[in-house]
Amino acid sequence: MPRIALVTAREAQPLDEDLPPLIDAFAGDAVAACWDDAAVDWSRFDLVLLRSAWDYVPRLPEFLAWCERVATETRLLNPPALVRWNTDKHYLADLAAQGLATVPSHFLEPGRHAAADLQGIVAELPSEEFVVKPAVGAGSKDAQRYRRRQIQTAIRHADVLLQDGRSVLVQPYLDQVDSVGETALIFFDGVFSHAIRKGPLLRLDEGPTEQLFAPEEITARQPTPAELDLARRVVAAIPGGAPLYARVDLLRGADGSPCVLELELTEPSLFFATAPGSAATYARAARAHLSPSQAP
């Protein structure tokens, strides 16, 4: 019987391009399972690996409670405390407080700020364009790029999120992404594995994606020494130490230096297809987290 569960969601499973190579890499020892499937007995698995539970955002309390429960029955990776920290982009403030370069991030909080406060934040930004998105979100859903002259439309966007009880994240739009894209660096147990380039996702005057996640343009990329250095320092700063898997998404600032856009520790795509052998590397790293009595 498979001893390792690869956690997905019903809608996500056929879309997760990492699942087939990962199942192959585990050589019959792993099976995909939906996190909210009441028929699954998680205690029968020696290891439960979060993969593509991409529907968790509107069900975050339920998902976090599920993580806590499963962690009492078996080994869940990444662990619940880290998932709780990482599913809210306030973690960017924690990284910035440690002196790590991040995209400047400003938050509006339900009950503490009005959407109109966005106007003052935008006035202080160094860029002509800015991004409004929820602090808890995934796949670019509910994220939108605006020009300064569109501030009233952006305020209405922020107001919808705040009225729904969601914190709002406001960031300058770093326009080098339009020419060089994002760089995402993938680490397994703190060791750099591979990197990819993402094309720009947010386009002016296009509404937020209605899909589970925004379509992405992905190619392999060799990170610059500065990108690799920053990503390694970010992974070293993760609470509790380097986890089984981490993806550090970087943009370039106006001066060309890298800064952290997101740190993905919950359900990131790992783009195994861009790096031959990387699925096997992940599988070996995961097996190392089995207890000696469970190891093959």
C-alpha atoms as a PDB file:
ATOM      1  CA  MET A   1       0.000   0.000   0.000  1.00  0.00           C
ATOM      2  CA  PRO A   2       1.250   3.544  -0.707  1.00  0.00           C
ATOM      3  CA  ARG A   3       2.679   5.058   2.470  1.00  0.00           C
ATOM      4  CA  ILE A   4       2.981   8.651   1.265  1.00  0.00           C
ATOM      5  CA  ALA A   5       0.044  10.937   0.474  1.00  0.00           C
ATOM      6  CA  LEU A   6       0.383  13.832  -1.976  1.00  0.00           C
ATOM      7  CA  VAL A   7      -2.298  16.296  -0.929  1.00  0.00           C
ATOM      8  CA  THR A   8      -4.312  17.991  -3.653  1.00  0.00           C
ATOM      9  CA  ALA A   9      -7.851  19.292  -4.279  1.00  0.00           C
ATOM     10  CA  ARG A  10     -10.561  17.983  -6.580  1.00  0.00           C
ATOM     11  CA  GLU A  11     -10.386  20.900  -8.985  1.00  0.00           C
ATOM     12  CA  ALA A  12      -6.587  21.100  -8.799  1.00  0.00           C
ATOM     13  CA  GLN A  13      -5.615  17.462  -9.265  1.00  0.00           C
ATOM     14  CA  PRO A  14      -5.936  17.364 -13.080  1.00  0.00           C
ATOM     15  CA  LEU A  15      -4.132  20.730 -13.317  1.00  0.00           C
ATOM     16  CA  ASP A  16      -1.136  19.926 -11.111  1.00  0.00           C
ATOM     17  CA  GLU A  17       1.617  19.126 -13.595  1.00  0.00           C
ATOM     18  CA  ASP A  18       3.965  18.183 -10.752  1.00  0.00           C
ATOM     19  CA  LEU A  19       1.867  15.248  -9.573  1.00  0.00           C
ATOM     20  CA  PRO A  20       2.622  12.661 -12.330  1.00  0.00           C
ATOM     21  CA  PRO A  21       6.434  13.000 -12.187  1.00  0.00           C
ATOM     22  CA  LEU A  22       6.324  13.013  -8.401  1.00  0.00           C
ATOM     23  CA  ILE A  23       4.224   9.857  -8.241  1.00  0.00           C
ATOM     24  CA  ASP A  24       6.682   8.250 -10.654  1.00  0.00           C
ATOM     25  CA  ALA A  25       9.612   9.390  -8.500  1.00  0.00           C
ATOM     26  CA  PHE A  26       8.120   7.703  -5.442  1.00  0.00           C
ATOM     27  CA  ALA A  27       7.925   4.441  -7.419  1.00  0.00           C
ATOM     28  CA  GLY A  28       4.558   3.197  -6.240  1.00  0.00           C
ATOM     29  CA  ASP A  29       4.972   4.481  -2.689  1.00  0.00           C
ATOM     30  CA  ALA A  30       2.800   7.608  -3.073  1.00  0.00           C
ATOM     31  CA  VAL A  31      -0.777   8.381  -4.023  1.00  0.00           C
ATOM     32  CA  ALA A  32      -2.682  11.646  -4.579  1.00  0.00           C
ATOM     33  CA  ALA A  33      -5.481  12.404  -2.109  1.00  0.00           C
ATOM     34  CA  CYS A  34      -7.809  15.386  -1.698  1.00  0.00           C
ATOM     35  CA  TRP A  35      -7.449  17.182   1.615  1.00  0.00           C
ATOM     36  CA  ASP A  36     -11.192  17.469   2.200  1.00  0.00           C
ATOM     37  CA  ASP A  37     -12.056  13.877   1.278  1.00  0.00           C
ATOM     38  CA  ALA A  38     -13.743  12.534   4.414  1.00  0.00           C
ATOM     39  CA  ALA A  39     -13.146   8.957   3.265  1.00  0.00           C
ATOM     40  CA  VAL A  40      -9.352   9.256   3.544  1.00  0.00           C
ATOM     41  CA  ASP A  41      -7.739   7.806   6.669  1.00  0.00           C
ATOM     42  CA  TRP A  42      -4.653   9.992   6.946  1.00  0.00           C
ATOM     43  CA  SER A  43      -3.275   7.989   9.850  1.00  0.00           C
ATOM     44  CA  ARG A  44      -2.495   5.076   7.513  1.00  0.00           C
ATOM     45  CA  PHE A  45       0.166   7.169   5.780  1.00  0.00           C
ATOM     46  CA  ASP A  46       3.673   7.545   7.168  1.00  0.00           C
ATOM     47  CA  LEU A  47       4.073  10.929   5.450  1.00  0.00           C
ATOM     48  CA  VAL A  48       1.537  13.470   4.144  1.00  0.00           C
ATOM     49  CA  LEU A  49       2.966  16.051   1.740  1.00  0.00           C
ATOM     50  CA  LEU A  50       1.051  19.198   0.835  1.00  0.00           C
ATOM     51  CA  ARG A  51       1.059  19.544  -2.938  1.00  0.00           C
ATOM     52  CA  SER A  52      -1.807  21.397  -4.624  1.00  0.00           C
ATOM     53  CA  ALA A  53      -4.556  22.216  -2.140  1.00  0.00           C
ATOM     54  CA  TRP A  54      -5.237  25.296  -4.243  1.00  0.00           C
ATOM     55  CA  ASP A  55      -8.816  25.789  -3.084  1.00  0.00           C
ATOM     56  CA  TYR A  56      -7.894  26.590   0.533  1.00  0.00           C
ATOM     57  CA  VAL A  57      -8.129  30.410   0.359  1.00  0.00           C
ATOM     58  CA  PRO A  58     -11.909  30.811   0.869  1.00  0.00           C
ATOM     59  CA  ARG A  59     -11.792  27.927   3.368  1.00  0.00           C
ATOM     60  CA  LEU A  60      -8.648  28.891   5.272  1.00  0.00           C
ATOM     61  CA  PRO A  61      -9.873  28.169   8.849  1.00  0.00           C
ATOM     62  CA  GLU A  62     -11.127  24.764   7.708  1.00  0.00           C
ATOM     63  CA  PHE A  63      -7.860  24.008   5.916  1.00  0.00           C
ATOM     64  CA  LEU A  64      -5.692  25.059   8.864  1.00  0.00           C
ATOM     65  CA  ALA A  65      -7.811  22.961  11.236  1.00  0.00           C
ATOM     66  CA  TRP A  66      -7.373  20.011   8.866  1.00  0.00           C
ATOM     67  CA  CYS A  67      -3.584  20.528   8.908  1.00  0.00           C
ATOM     68  CA  GLU A  68      -3.537  20.567  12.709  1.00  0.00           C
ATOM     69  CA  ARG A  69      -5.638  17.412  12.911  1.00  0.00           C
ATOM     70  CA  VAL A  70      -3.616  15.459  10.353  1.00  0.00           C
ATOM     71  CA  ALA A  71      -0.388  16.439  12.099  1.00  0.00           C
ATOM     72  CA  THR A  72      -1.645  14.655  15.230  1.00  0.00           C
ATOM     73  CA  GLU A  73      -2.181  11.469  13.223  1.00  0.00           C
ATOM     74  CA  THR A  74       0.962  11.353  11.082  1.00  0.00           C
ATOM     75  CA  ARG A  75       3.819  13.504   9.732  1.00  0.00           C
ATOM     76  CA  LEU A  76       2.580  16.506   7.717  1.00  0.00           C
ATOM     77  CA  LEU A  77       5.016  18.554   5.635  1.00  0.00           C
ATOM     78  CA  ASN A  78       5.338  21.370   5.609  1.00  0.00           C
ATOM     79  CA  PRO A  79       4.139  21.486   9.248  1.00  0.00           C
ATOM     80  CA  PRO A  80       0.989  23.317  10.414  1.00  0.00           C
ATOM     81  CA  ALA A  81       2.718  26.190  12.227  1.00  0.00           C
ATOM     82  CA  LEU A  82       4.676  27.043   9.089  1.00  0.00           C
ATOM     83  CA  VAL A  83       1.583  26.740   6.897  1.00  0.00           C
ATOM     84  CA  ARG A  84      -0.343  29.078   9.211  1.00  0.00           C
ATOM     85  CA  TRP A  85       2.474  31.659   9.009  1.00  0.00           C
ATOM     86  CA  ASN A  86       2.907  31.341   5.256  1.00  0.00           C
ATOM     87  CA  THR A  87      -0.733  31.478   4.152  1.00  0.00           C
ATOM     88  CA  ASP A  88      -0.902  35.139   5.220  1.00  0.00           C
ATOM     89  CA  LYS A  89       1.367  37.550   3.369  1.00  0.00           C
ATOM     90  CA  HIS A  90       1.999  39.538   6.538  1.00  0.00           C
ATOM     91  CA  TYR A  91       5.062  37.270   6.632  1.00  0.00           C
ATOM     92  CA  LEU A  92       6.626  39.764   4.197  1.00  0.00           C
ATOM     93  CA  ALA A  93       6.790  42.257   7.068  1.00  0.00           C
ATOM     94  CA  ASP A  94       8.566  39.621   9.174  1.00  0.00           C
ATOM     95  CA  LEU A  95      11.165  39.083   6.441  1.00  0.00           C
ATOM     96  CA  ALA A  96      11.669  42.820   5.939  1.00  0.00           C
ATOM     97  CA  ALA A  97      12.163  43.249   9.700  1.00  0.00           C
ATOM     98  CA  GLN A  98      15.090  40.827   9.420  1.00  0.00           C
ATOM     99  CA  GLY A  99      16.760  43.068   6.843  1.00  0.00           C
ATOM    100  CA  LEU A 100      15.820  40.954   3.815  1.00  0.00           C
ATOM    101  CA  ALA A 101      14.977  42.839   0.627  1.00  0.00           C
ATOM    102  CA  THR A 102      11.253  42.533  -0.125  1.00  0.00           C
ATOM    103  CA  VAL A 103       8.895  44.333  -2.465  1.00  0.00           C
ATOM    104  CA  PRO A 104       7.696  47.274  -0.296  1.00  0.00           C
ATOM    105  CA  SER A 105       4.459  46.076   1.282  1.00  0.00           C
ATOM    106  CA  HIS A 106       1.687  48.066   2.946  1.00  0.00           C
ATOM    107  CA  PHE A 107      -1.368  46.555   4.627  1.00  0.00           C
ATOM    108  CA  LEU A 108      -4.928  47.725   5.172  1.00  0.00           C
ATOM    109  CA  GLU A 109      -6.711  45.876   7.961  1.00  0.00           C
ATOM    110  CA  PRO A 110     -10.462  45.283   8.339  1.00  0.00           C
ATOM    111  CA  GLY A 111     -11.845  47.382  11.170  1.00  0.00           C
ATOM    112  CA  ARG A 112      -8.675  49.465  11.412  1.00  0.00           C
ATOM    113  CA  HIS A 113      -8.403  51.052   7.985  1.00  0.00           C
ATOM    114  CA  ALA A 114     -10.838  52.332   5.405  1.00  0.00           C
ATOM    115  CA  ALA A 115     -10.326  51.575   1.740  1.00  0.00           C
ATOM    116  CA  ALA A 116      -9.810  55.321   1.202  1.00  0.00           C
ATOM    117  CA  ASP A 117      -6.550  55.006   3.179  1.00  0.00           C
ATOM    118  CA  LEU A 118      -5.196  53.433   0.020  1.00  0.00           C
ATOM    119  CA  GLN A 119      -4.920  56.917  -1.476  1.00  0.00           C
ATOM    120  CA  GLY A 120      -2.329  57.977   1.086  1.00  0.00           C
ATOM    121  CA  ILE A 121      -0.312  54.785   0.596  1.00  0.00           C
ATOM    122  CA  VAL A 122      -0.253  55.158  -3.176  1.00  0.00           C
ATOM    123  CA  ALA A 123       0.838  58.791  -2.894  1.00  0.00           C
ATOM    124  CA  GLU A 124       4.012  57.611  -1.139  1.00  0.00           C
ATOM    125  CA  LEU A 125       4.877  54.831  -3.593  1.00  0.00           C
ATOM    126  CA  PRO A 126       7.827  55.417  -5.950  1.00  0.00           C
ATOM    127  CA  SER A 127       6.077  53.912  -8.964  1.00  0.00           C
ATOM    128  CA  GLU A 128       3.337  55.092 -11.316  1.00  0.00           C
ATOM    129  CA  GLU A 129       1.623  51.716 -11.066  1.00  0.00           C
ATOM    130  CA  PHE A 130       0.687  49.620  -8.053  1.00  0.00           C
ATOM    131  CA  VAL A 131      -0.893  46.298  -7.122  1.00  0.00           C
ATOM    132  CA  VAL A 132      -3.807  45.619  -4.796  1.00  0.00           C
ATOM    133  CA  LYS A 133      -4.386  42.062  -3.597  1.00  0.00           C
ATOM    134  CA  PRO A 134      -5.595  40.163  -0.542  1.00  0.00           C
ATOM    135  CA  ALA A 135      -3.067  39.242   2.140  1.00  0.00           C
ATOM    136  CA  VAL A 136      -4.478  35.722   2.029  1.00  0.00           C
ATOM    137  CA  GLY A 137      -4.629  34.626  -1.577  1.00  0.00           C
ATOM    138  CA  ALA A 138      -3.104  32.309  -4.142  1.00  0.00           C
ATOM    139  CA  GLY A 139      -2.749  32.021  -7.894  1.00  0.00           C
ATOM    140  CA  SER A 140      -3.140  35.800  -8.443  1.00  0.00           C
ATOM    141  CA  LYS A 141      -6.870  35.566  -7.673  1.00  0.00           C
ATOM    142  CA  ASP A 142      -8.333  38.934  -6.585  1.00  0.00           C
ATOM    143  CA  ALA A 143      -5.037  40.664  -7.479  1.00  0.00           C
ATOM    144  CA  GLN A 144      -5.125  43.676  -9.769  1.00  0.00           C
ATOM    145  CA  ARG A 145      -2.622  46.138 -11.262  1.00  0.00           C
ATOM    146  CA  TYR A 146      -3.553  49.840 -11.422  1.00  0.00           C
ATOM    147  CA  ARG A 147      -2.257  53.212 -12.608  1.00  0.00           C
ATOM    148  CA  ARG A 148      -2.344  56.131 -10.181  1.00  0.00           C
ATOM    149  CA  ARG A 149      -5.214  57.711 -12.102  1.00  0.00           C
ATOM    150  CA  GLN A 150      -7.268  54.582 -11.426  1.00  0.00           C
ATOM    151  CA  ILE A 151      -7.146  55.136  -7.660  1.00  0.00           C
ATOM    152  CA  GLN A 152     -10.927  55.266  -7.257  1.00  0.00           C
ATOM    153  CA  THR A 153     -11.303  51.885  -8.974  1.00  0.00           C
ATOM    154  CA  ALA A 154      -8.549  50.510  -6.729  1.00  0.00           C
ATOM    155  CA  ILE A 155     -10.334  51.891  -3.656  1.00  0.00           C
ATOM    156  CA  ARG A 156     -13.512  50.075  -4.662  1.00  0.00           C
ATOM    157  CA  HIS A 157     -11.468  46.863  -5.069  1.00  0.00           C
ATOM    158  CA  ALA A 158      -9.907  47.286  -1.623  1.00  0.00           C
ATOM    159  CA  ASP A 159     -13.298  48.087  -0.104  1.00  0.00           C
ATOM    160  CA  VAL A 160     -14.749  44.795  -1.348  1.00  0.00           C
ATOM    161  CA  LEU A 161     -11.886  42.881   0.262  1.00  0.00           C
ATOM    162  CA  LEU A 162     -12.052  44.801   3.554  1.00  0.00           C
ATOM    163  CA  GLN A 163     -15.829  44.412   3.812  1.00  0.00           C
ATOM    164  CA  ASP A 164     -15.299  40.687   3.378  1.00  0.00           C
ATOM    165  CA  GLY A 165     -12.973  40.727   6.396  1.00  0.00           C
ATOM    166  CA  ARG A 166      -9.814  40.303   4.326  1.00  0.00           C
ATOM    167  CA  SER A 167      -6.584  42.230   4.869  1.00  0.00           C
ATOM    168  CA  VAL A 168      -5.360  44.105   1.805  1.00  0.00           C
ATOM    169  CA  LEU A 169      -1.766  44.185   0.550  1.00  0.00           C
ATOM    170  CA  VAL A 170      -0.605  47.174  -1.516  1.00  0.00           C
ATOM    171  CA  GLN A 171       2.723  47.081  -3.381  1.00  0.00           C
ATOM    172  CA  PRO A 172       4.415  49.161  -6.069  1.00  0.00           C
ATOM    173  CA  TYR A 173       4.405  47.535  -9.494  1.00  0.00           C
ATOM    174  CA  LEU A 174       8.045  46.838 -10.359  1.00  0.00           C
ATOM    175  CA  ASP A 175       8.003  47.211 -14.127  1.00  0.00           C
ATOM    176  CA  GLN A 176      11.190  45.244 -14.796  1.00  0.00           C
ATOM    177  CA  VAL A 177       8.938  42.193 -14.528  1.00  0.00           C
ATOM    178  CA  ASP A 178       7.521  43.135 -17.938  1.00  0.00           C
ATOM    179  CA  SER A 179      10.907  42.559 -19.578  1.00  0.00           C
ATOM    180  CA  VAL A 180      12.716  40.034 -17.370  1.00  0.00           C
ATOM    181  CA  GLY A 181       9.842  38.324 -15.548  1.00  0.00           C
ATOM    182  CA  GLU A 182      10.027  36.795 -12.082  1.00  0.00           C
ATOM    183  CA  THR A 183      12.694  34.384 -10.887  1.00  0.00           C
ATOM    184  CA  ALA A 184      11.470  31.534  -8.683  1.00  0.00           C
ATOM    185  CA  LEU A 185      14.111  29.482  -6.862  1.00  0.00           C
ATOM    186  CA  ILE A 186      13.199  26.042  -5.483  1.00  0.00           C
ATOM    187  CA  PHE A 187      14.880  24.510  -2.438  1.00  0.00           C
ATOM    188  CA  PHE A 188      14.600  21.050  -0.871  1.00  0.00           C
ATOM    189  CA  ASP A 189      15.668  20.833   2.782  1.00  0.00           C
ATOM    190  CA  GLY A 190      17.449  24.169   2.361  1.00  0.00           C
ATOM    191  CA  VAL A 191      19.492  23.046  -0.664  1.00  0.00           C
ATOM    192  CA  PHE A 192      18.974  24.879  -3.946  1.00  0.00           C
ATOM    193  CA  SER A 193      17.557  22.609  -6.640  1.00  0.00           C
ATOM    194  CA  HIS A 194      16.545  24.675  -9.685  1.00  0.00           C
ATOM    195  CA  ALA A 195      15.023  27.954 -10.823  1.00  0.00           C
ATOM    196  CA  ILE A 196      12.458  29.083 -13.348  1.00  0.00           C
ATOM    197  CA  ARG A 197      11.375  32.266 -15.058  1.00  0.00           C
ATOM    198  CA  LYS A 198       7.753  33.347 -14.841  1.00  0.00           C
ATOM    199  CA  GLY A 199       6.405  35.801 -17.372  1.00  0.00           C
ATOM    200  CA  PRO A 200       4.411  38.809 -16.103  1.00  0.00           C
ATOM    201  CA  LEU A 201       0.987  37.847 -14.746  1.00  0.00           C
ATOM    202  CA  LEU A 202      -0.852  41.089 -13.981  1.00  0.00           C
ATOM    203  CA  ARG A 203      -1.835  43.118 -17.027  1.00  0.00           C
ATOM    204  CA  LEU A 204      -3.369  46.568 -17.007  1.00  0.00           C
ATOM    205  CA  ASP A 205      -7.123  46.836 -17.460  1.00  0.00           C
ATOM    206  CA  GLU A 206      -7.638  43.081 -17.133  1.00  0.00           C
ATOM    207  CA  GLY A 207      -9.814  41.918 -14.280  1.00  0.00           C
ATOM    208  CA  PRO A 208      -8.656  39.336 -11.746  1.00  0.00           C
ATOM    209  CA  THR A 209      -8.562  35.765 -13.001  1.00  0.00           C
ATOM    210  CA  GLU A 210     -11.741  33.739 -12.612  1.00  0.00           C
ATOM    211  CA  GLN A 211      -9.778  30.486 -12.811  1.00  0.00           C
ATOM    212  CA  LEU A 212      -8.230  28.514  -9.960  1.00  0.00           C
ATOM    213  CA  PHE A 213      -4.959  30.275 -10.787  1.00  0.00           C
ATOM    214  CA  ALA A 214      -3.759  32.663 -13.486  1.00  0.00           C
ATOM    215  CA  PRO A 215      -2.100  30.945 -16.490  1.00  0.00           C
ATOM    216  CA  GLU A 216       1.684  31.179 -16.291  1.00  0.00           C
ATOM    217  CA  GLU A 217       4.498  31.300 -18.846  1.00  0.00           C
ATOM    218  CA  ILE A 218       7.269  29.129 -17.378  1.00  0.00           C
ATOM    219  CA  THR A 219      10.815  28.463 -18.602  1.00  0.00           C
ATOM    220  CA  ALA A 220      13.995  27.265 -16.923  1.00  0.00           C
ATOM    221  CA  ARG A 221      16.316  29.994 -15.665  1.00  0.00           C
ATOM    222  CA  GLN A 222      19.776  30.241 -14.142  1.00  0.00           C
ATOM    223  CA  PRO A 223      19.552  32.661 -11.198  1.00  0.00           C
ATOM    224  CA  THR A 224      22.073  35.442 -10.826  1.00  0.00           C
ATOM    225  CA  PRO A 225      24.505  35.247  -7.894  1.00  0.00           C
ATOM    226  CA  ALA A 226      22.580  38.068  -6.191  1.00  0.00           C
ATOM    227  CA  GLU A 227      19.276  36.223  -6.601  1.00  0.00           C
ATOM    228  CA  LEU A 228      20.713  32.985  -5.269  1.00  0.00           C
ATOM    229  CA  ASP A 229      22.293  34.766  -2.294  1.00  0.00           C
ATOM    230  CA  LEU A 230      19.050  36.498  -1.330  1.00  0.00           C
ATOM    231  CA  ALA A 231      17.004  33.334  -1.743  1.00  0.00           C
ATOM    232  CA  ARG A 232      19.397  31.373   0.461  1.00  0.00           C
ATOM    233  CA  ARG A 233      19.198  34.043   3.163  1.00  0.00           C
ATOM    234  CA  VAL A 234      15.403  33.987   2.984  1.00  0.00           C
ATOM    235  CA  VAL A 235      15.305  30.198   3.383  1.00  0.00           C
ATOM    236  CA  ALA A 236      17.699  30.470   6.324  1.00  0.00           C
ATOM    237  CA  ALA A 237      15.301  32.952   7.954  1.00  0.00           C
ATOM    238  CA  ILE A 238      12.252  30.659   7.797  1.00  0.00           C
ATOM    239  CA  PRO A 239      10.889  30.053  11.320  1.00  0.00           C
ATOM    240  CA  GLY A 240      11.926  26.648  12.590  1.00  0.00           C
ATOM    241  CA  GLY A 241      14.659  26.213   9.979  1.00  0.00           C
ATOM    242  CA  ALA A 242      14.670  25.175   6.346  1.00  0.00           C
ATOM    243  CA  PRO A 243      11.562  23.084   5.528  1.00  0.00           C
ATOM    244  CA  LEU A 244      11.264  20.156   3.142  1.00  0.00           C
ATOM    245  CA  TYR A 245      10.307  22.435   0.270  1.00  0.00           C
ATOM    246  CA  ALA A 246      10.444  26.174  -0.328  1.00  0.00           C
ATOM    247  CA  ARG A 247      10.029  28.411  -3.341  1.00  0.00           C
ATOM    248  CA  VAL A 248      11.354  31.964  -3.248  1.00  0.00           C
ATOM    249  CA  ASP A 249       9.793  34.271  -5.871  1.00  0.00           C
ATOM    250  CA  LEU A 250      11.908  37.310  -6.724  1.00  0.00           C
ATOM    251  CA  LEU A 251      11.458  40.491  -8.755  1.00  0.00           C
ATOM    252  CA  ARG A 252      14.056  43.057  -9.726  1.00  0.00           C
ATOM    253  CA  GLY A 253      13.800  46.578  -8.371  1.00  0.00           C
ATOM    254  CA  ALA A 254      14.416  49.738 -10.372  1.00  0.00           C
ATOM    255  CA  ASP A 255      18.165  49.369  -9.746  1.00  0.00           C
ATOM    256  CA  GLY A 256      18.141  45.751 -10.903  1.00  0.00           C
ATOM    257  CA  SER A 257      18.661  44.267  -7.438  1.00  0.00           C
ATOM    258  CA  PRO A 258      16.438  41.336  -6.413  1.00  0.00           C
ATOM    259  CA  CYS A 259      13.693  41.541  -3.817  1.00  0.00           C
ATOM    260  CA  VAL A 260      11.210  38.999  -2.465  1.00  0.00           C
ATOM    261  CA  LEU A 261       7.733  39.037  -3.967  1.00  0.00           C
ATOM    262  CA  GLU A 262       6.540  35.865  -2.233  1.00  0.00           C
ATOM    263  CA  LEU A 263       7.861  32.971  -0.189  1.00  0.00           C
ATOM    264  CA  GLU A 264       5.882  29.837  -1.059  1.00  0.00           C
ATOM    265  CA  LEU A 265       5.893  27.159   1.663  1.00  0.00           C
ATOM    266  CA  THR A 266       2.351  25.790   1.501  1.00  0.00           C
ATOM    267  CA  GLU A 267       1.282  24.529  -1.928  1.00  0.00           C
ATOM    268  CA  PRO A 268       3.734  25.859  -4.531  1.00  0.00           C
ATOM    269  CA  SER A 269       4.184  24.511  -8.013  1.00  0.00           C
ATOM    270  CA  LEU A 270       7.746  23.183  -8.166  1.00  0.00           C
ATOM    271  CA  PHE A 271       8.068  22.927 -11.957  1.00  0.00           C
ATOM    272  CA  PHE A 272       9.759  19.533 -12.099  1.00  0.00           C
ATOM    273  CA  ALA A 273       9.432  19.492 -15.897  1.00  0.00           C
ATOM    274  CA  THR A 274      11.975  22.313 -16.198  1.00  0.00           C
ATOM    275  CA  ALA A 275      14.703  20.463 -14.287  1.00  0.00           C
ATOM    276  CA  PRO A 276      15.313  16.779 -15.105  1.00  0.00           C
ATOM    277  CA  GLY A 277      15.887  14.757 -11.961  1.00  0.00           C
ATOM    278  CA  SER A 278      14.338  17.340  -9.624  1.00  0.00           C
ATOM    279  CA  ALA A 279      11.291  15.188  -8.812  1.00  0.00           C
ATOM    280  CA  ALA A 280      13.636  12.386  -7.746  1.00  0.00           C
ATOM    281  CA  THR A 281      15.585  14.876  -5.624  1.00  0.00           C
ATOM    282  CA  TYR A 282      12.374  15.935  -3.898  1.00  0.00           C
ATOM    283  CA  ALA A 283      11.360  12.311  -3.319  1.00  0.00           C
ATOM    284  CA  ARG A 284      14.731  11.496  -1.744  1.00  0.00           C
ATOM    285  CA  ALA A 285      14.489  14.559   0.505  1.00  0.00           C
ATOM    286  CA  ALA A 286      10.955  13.593   1.559  1.00  0.00           C
ATOM    287  CA  ARG A 287      11.947  10.002   2.349  1.00  0.00           C
ATOM    288  CA  ALA A 288      14.658  11.353   4.638  1.00  0.00           C
ATOM    289  CA  HIS A 289      11.868  12.691   6.857  1.00  0.00           C
ATOM    290  CA  LEU A 290      10.575   9.183   7.528  1.00  0.00           C
ATOM    291  CA  SER A 291      11.609   7.709  10.837  1.00  0.00           C
ATOM    292  CA  PRO A 292      14.355   5.041  10.703  1.00  0.00           C
ATOM    293  CA  SER A 293      11.768   2.322  11.293  1.00  0.00           C
ATOM    294  CA  GLN A 294       9.710   3.592   8.341  1.00  0.00           C
ATOM    295  CA  ALA A 295      12.570   4.035   5.891  1.00  0.00           C
ATOM    296  CA  PRO A 296      12.810   1.389   3.145  1.00  0.00           C
END
